[in-house]
Amino acid sequence: MDKKFITWRIYDVIIKKIVKEIKKSGEEYDAIGTLSRGGYVPAVHIANLLDIRHIYEINAYTTAEIKEMKNLLIVDDVTDSGDTLSRYRDLNLDIVCVCLKPSTVVKPTYPAMEIMDDEWVVFPWESKNSITMKDRDKNKEVKKNDIL
C-alpha cells in the first residue's frame, strides 16, 4: 500500500477549507464529537477555529446519548470503508472527514481530500515510526492542488 504524506502546511490548508465550507453553510454547532484517536487533532483544530468549546469522544457514548447532544458535528481524520462512521449515519449528524476514500459507504457533509483506496495517509502528527526515509523517497507528498 502506497503512503501519502500530508505536511502541516497542507493539513492547515485542508482544515481552513473545511471551516470555510462550514461557515458558508450557515450551520452552527455547539459541540464536536470525535472518534479516538484519529479525529482528535482535526477536532481540536476545527473547534478552535469555530470557537466550539465542547469536544466529546463519541465512542464512549451510546447512540441514545449522542441523540441527546444538540448541534453536534462529527469529526474524523479518514473515512476508509466507512464502517466506523456508519454507526452514526442514522442520527442525521453532519460529518467532517479530512480524507475520504471513494469506496466509503458514508459520504461526509464536509469532505476535504479524496485519496485512492490503495493509499495509506500519514498525517504530520503520527508516529515517526510510520515514516521512514525510504517511504519518503518512494511515495509522493500531498500538494495543495490535491485538495478537493
Protein backbone atom coordinates (compact mmCIF):
# COMPACT_ATOMS: atom_id res chain seq x y z
CA MET A 1 0.00 0.00 0.00
CA ASP A 2 1.43 3.38 -1.00
CA LYS A 3 1.72 6.06 1.65
CA LYS A 4 0.52 9.61 1.07
CA PHE A 5 2.22 12.16 3.33
CA ILE A 6 0.38 15.25 4.46
CA THR A 7 2.56 18.06 5.79
CA TRP A 8 1.48 20.53 8.47
CA ARG A 9 1.19 23.21 5.79
CA ILE A 10 -1.16 21.13 3.64
CA TYR A 11 -3.10 19.95 6.70
CA ASP A 12 -3.66 23.59 7.67
CA VAL A 13 -4.96 24.37 4.16
CA ILE A 14 -7.35 21.40 4.39
CA ILE A 15 -8.73 22.43 7.79
CA LYS A 16 -9.21 26.05 6.73
CA LYS A 17 -11.10 24.83 3.64
CA ILE A 18 -13.38 22.72 5.83
CA VAL A 19 -14.02 25.61 8.23
CA LYS A 20 -14.78 27.93 5.30
CA GLU A 21 -17.36 25.42 4.00
CA ILE A 22 -18.94 25.08 7.44
CA LYS A 23 -19.23 28.87 7.80
CA LYS A 24 -20.62 29.15 4.26
CA SER A 25 -23.30 26.55 5.10
CA GLY A 26 -24.68 28.73 7.89
CA GLU A 27 -24.77 25.76 10.26
CA GLU A 28 -23.76 26.40 13.85
CA TYR A 29 -22.54 23.65 16.13
CA ASP A 30 -22.48 23.57 19.92
CA ALA A 31 -20.11 20.62 20.19
CA ILE A 32 -17.85 18.29 18.26
CA GLY A 33 -17.96 14.53 18.54
CA THR A 34 -14.77 12.79 17.52
CA LEU A 35 -13.54 9.26 17.13
CA SER A 36 -10.50 8.12 19.03
CA ARG A 37 -7.65 8.56 18.08
CA GLY A 38 -7.58 9.82 14.51
CA GLY A 39 -10.17 12.54 14.94
CA TYR A 40 -8.60 14.26 17.95
CA VAL A 41 -6.22 16.64 16.19
CA PRO A 42 -8.65 17.82 13.49
CA ALA A 43 -11.45 18.10 16.08
CA VAL A 44 -9.42 20.43 18.29
CA HIS A 45 -8.23 22.47 15.31
CA ILE A 46 -11.77 22.91 13.95
CA ALA A 47 -13.16 23.62 17.42
CA ASN A 48 -10.62 26.42 17.90
CA LEU A 49 -11.35 28.00 14.52
CA LEU A 50 -15.13 27.84 15.05
CA ASP A 51 -14.98 28.74 18.77
CA ILE A 52 -16.65 25.47 19.79
CA ARG A 53 -15.89 24.76 23.44
CA HIS A 54 -17.08 21.16 23.84
CA ILE A 55 -15.45 18.09 22.31
CA TYR A 56 -16.72 14.59 23.07
CA GLU A 57 -15.18 11.25 22.29
CA ILE A 58 -18.33 9.72 20.87
CA ASN A 59 -17.01 6.16 21.08
CA ALA A 60 -17.68 6.49 24.83
CA TYR A 61 -21.39 7.32 24.39
CA THR A 62 -24.39 5.25 23.44
CA THR A 63 -26.45 6.12 20.38
CA ALA A 64 -29.24 7.36 22.68
CA GLU A 65 -26.82 9.70 24.49
CA ILE A 66 -25.48 11.02 21.19
CA LYS A 67 -29.04 11.74 20.01
CA GLU A 68 -29.47 13.99 23.06
CA MET A 69 -26.44 16.11 22.11
CA LYS A 70 -27.69 19.17 20.25
CA ASN A 71 -25.95 20.60 17.19
CA LEU A 72 -23.18 18.02 17.22
CA LEU A 73 -20.59 17.92 14.41
CA ILE A 74 -18.75 14.61 13.95
CA VAL A 75 -15.04 14.93 13.02
CA ASP A 76 -12.70 12.17 11.90
CA ASP A 77 -9.41 12.02 10.05
CA VAL A 78 -10.18 9.41 7.37
CA THR A 79 -13.23 7.55 6.22
CA ASP A 80 -11.85 4.38 4.75
CA SER A 81 -14.58 1.76 4.37
CA GLY A 82 -16.99 3.93 6.35
CA ASP A 83 -17.82 1.15 8.80
CA THR A 84 -16.97 3.23 11.88
CA LEU A 85 -18.92 6.30 10.77
CA SER A 86 -21.87 4.21 9.58
CA ARG A 87 -22.81 3.73 13.26
CA TYR A 88 -23.81 7.40 13.30
CA ARG A 89 -25.38 7.68 9.85
CA ASP A 90 -28.98 7.39 11.06
CA LEU A 91 -28.55 10.18 13.61
CA ASN A 92 -28.71 12.93 10.95
CA LEU A 93 -25.46 14.50 12.11
CA ASP A 94 -23.10 16.47 9.91
CA ILE A 95 -19.74 14.80 9.40
CA VAL A 96 -16.27 16.18 8.65
CA CYS A 97 -13.53 13.96 7.24
CA VAL A 98 -10.11 15.29 6.40
CA CYS A 99 -9.64 12.48 3.85
CA LEU A 100 -12.05 10.08 2.24
CA LYS A 101 -11.70 7.07 0.02
CA PRO A 102 -14.05 6.56 -2.96
CA SER A 103 -15.26 3.19 -1.64
CA THR A 104 -16.54 4.58 1.68
CA VAL A 105 -20.17 3.83 2.49
CA VAL A 106 -20.53 7.12 4.40
CA LYS A 107 -20.19 10.37 2.46
CA PRO A 108 -19.22 13.20 4.81
CA THR A 109 -21.07 16.52 4.80
CA TYR A 110 -17.73 18.31 4.62
CA PRO A 111 -15.11 16.21 2.82
CA ALA A 112 -11.75 17.78 2.15
CA MET A 113 -9.47 15.50 0.17
CA GLU A 114 -10.13 12.30 -1.71
CA ILE A 115 -7.45 9.66 -1.61
CA MET A 116 -7.24 6.40 -3.51
CA ASP A 117 -8.43 3.16 -1.92
CA ASP A 118 -4.91 1.72 -2.01
CA GLU A 119 -3.25 4.70 -0.28
CA TRP A 120 -2.36 5.00 3.38
CA VAL A 121 -2.46 8.56 4.71
CA VAL A 122 0.33 9.64 7.04
CA PHE A 123 -0.61 12.78 8.96
CA PRO A 124 2.11 15.07 10.33
CA TRP A 125 1.31 14.22 13.98
CA GLU A 126 1.65 10.47 13.52
CA SER A 127 4.48 8.46 14.98
CA LYS A 128 7.83 8.83 13.28
CA ASN A 129 7.92 5.02 13.23
CA SER A 130 5.35 5.12 10.43
CA ILE A 131 7.59 7.31 8.28
CA THR A 132 10.98 6.22 7.03
CA MET A 133 13.30 7.95 4.60
CA LYS A 134 12.67 5.04 2.23
CA ASP A 135 8.93 5.81 2.46
CA ARG A 136 9.54 9.50 1.70
CA ASP A 137 11.66 8.67 -1.33
CA LYS A 138 9.16 6.10 -2.64
CA ASN A 139 5.90 7.95 -2.03
CA LYS A 140 4.73 11.39 -3.01
CA GLU A 141 3.80 14.16 -0.65
CA VAL A 142 0.36 15.73 -0.95
CA LYS A 143 0.33 19.03 -2.85
CA LYS A 144 -2.16 21.87 -2.46
CA ASN A 145 -3.88 21.06 -5.80
CA ASP A 146 -4.68 17.53 -4.47
CA ILE A 147 -7.27 19.04 -2.10
CA LEU A 148 -10.91 18.87 -3.28
